[in-house]
Amino acid sequence: MDPTAPLLFGLTVAEFEDISLKVCVGGLIAYMIFIIGHLAWESKSGKYGAIWMFVGLGVGFIGFIAKSLIQKLLGIE
């Protein structure tokens, strides 16, 4: 199979994978933010407790976002 041939909606496999990764991981990050906010609300952690929960639990997806920004700034993409 030709890797440059359109696969789905006129996209190649690489283009489809790139878009899917960004959309699906972005959706997962949004859902994790919702979960952290719900956890902060249910635990009645207060303003500073909620901030530290977002910082502590959100470090993983902050790294994913930072990686994308660094790639764009350096022109590596």
Protein backbone atom coordinates (compact mmCIF):
# COMPACT_ATOMS: atom_id res chain seq x y z
CA MET A 1 0.00 0.00 0.00
CA ASP A 2 1.30 3.43 -0.93
CA PRO A 3 1.92 5.48 2.28
CA THR A 4 1.19 8.74 0.44
CA ALA A 5 -2.22 7.55 -0.79
CA PRO A 6 -5.24 9.17 0.90
CA LEU A 7 -6.68 6.95 3.59
CA LEU A 8 -9.55 8.69 5.29
CA PHE A 9 -11.19 12.04 4.44
CA GLY A 10 -8.33 12.74 2.03
CA LEU A 11 -5.63 12.43 4.71
CA THR A 12 -2.57 10.23 4.63
CA VAL A 13 -1.84 7.83 7.47
CA ALA A 14 0.73 10.19 9.03
CA GLU A 15 -1.60 13.20 8.87
CA PHE A 16 -4.47 11.19 10.34
CA GLU A 17 -2.27 9.90 13.19
CA ASP A 18 -0.99 13.41 13.98
CA ILE A 19 -4.48 14.91 14.12
CA SER A 20 -5.86 11.96 16.08
CA LEU A 21 -3.07 12.18 18.65
CA LYS A 22 -3.64 15.88 19.25
CA VAL A 23 -7.44 15.61 19.41
CA CYS A 24 -7.60 12.47 21.57
CA VAL A 25 -4.86 13.49 24.00
CA GLY A 26 -6.37 16.98 24.17
CA GLY A 27 -9.73 15.44 25.07
CA LEU A 28 -8.05 13.27 27.69
CA ILE A 29 -6.32 16.30 29.19
CA ALA A 30 -9.63 18.20 29.34
CA TYR A 31 -11.25 15.22 31.07
CA MET A 32 -8.38 15.01 33.58
CA ILE A 33 -8.79 18.71 34.36
CA PHE A 34 -12.48 18.07 35.00
CA ILE A 35 -11.61 15.14 37.31
CA ILE A 36 -9.07 17.21 39.28
CA GLY A 37 -11.59 20.06 39.63
CA HIS A 38 -14.28 17.66 40.79
CA LEU A 39 -11.87 16.10 43.29
CA ALA A 40 -10.96 19.57 44.63
CA TRP A 41 -14.67 20.48 44.91
CA GLU A 42 -15.67 17.27 46.69
CA SER A 43 -12.77 17.44 49.15
CA LYS A 44 -13.57 21.11 49.98
CA SER A 45 -9.86 21.85 49.65
CA GLY A 46 -10.22 25.63 49.36
CA LYS A 47 -8.56 27.94 46.88
CA TYR A 48 -4.93 27.14 47.66
CA GLY A 49 -5.58 23.44 48.09
CA ALA A 50 -7.24 23.33 44.67
CA ILE A 51 -4.31 25.18 43.11
CA TRP A 52 -1.86 22.67 44.57
CA MET A 53 -4.01 19.78 43.42
CA PHE A 54 -3.99 21.13 39.87
CA VAL A 55 -0.23 21.71 40.04
CA GLY A 56 0.58 18.35 41.58
CA LEU A 57 -1.75 16.23 39.50
CA GLY A 58 -1.40 18.21 36.30
CA VAL A 59 2.37 18.03 35.88
CA GLY A 60 2.12 15.13 33.41
CA PHE A 61 -0.02 16.86 30.82
CA ILE A 62 1.84 20.14 31.30
CA GLY A 63 4.90 18.28 30.01
CA PHE A 64 2.98 17.09 26.95
CA ILE A 65 1.84 20.64 26.15
CA ALA A 66 5.33 22.05 26.79
CA LYS A 67 6.83 19.49 24.38
CA SER A 68 4.51 20.67 21.61
CA LEU A 69 5.29 24.34 22.28
CA ILE A 70 9.07 23.73 22.32
CA GLN A 71 8.84 21.85 19.03
CA LYS A 72 6.96 24.75 17.44
CA LEU A 73 9.40 27.35 18.78
CA LEU A 74 12.43 25.42 17.52
CA GLY A 75 10.80 24.51 14.22
CA ILE A 76 11.35 20.78 14.76
CA GLU A 77 7.87 19.65 13.71
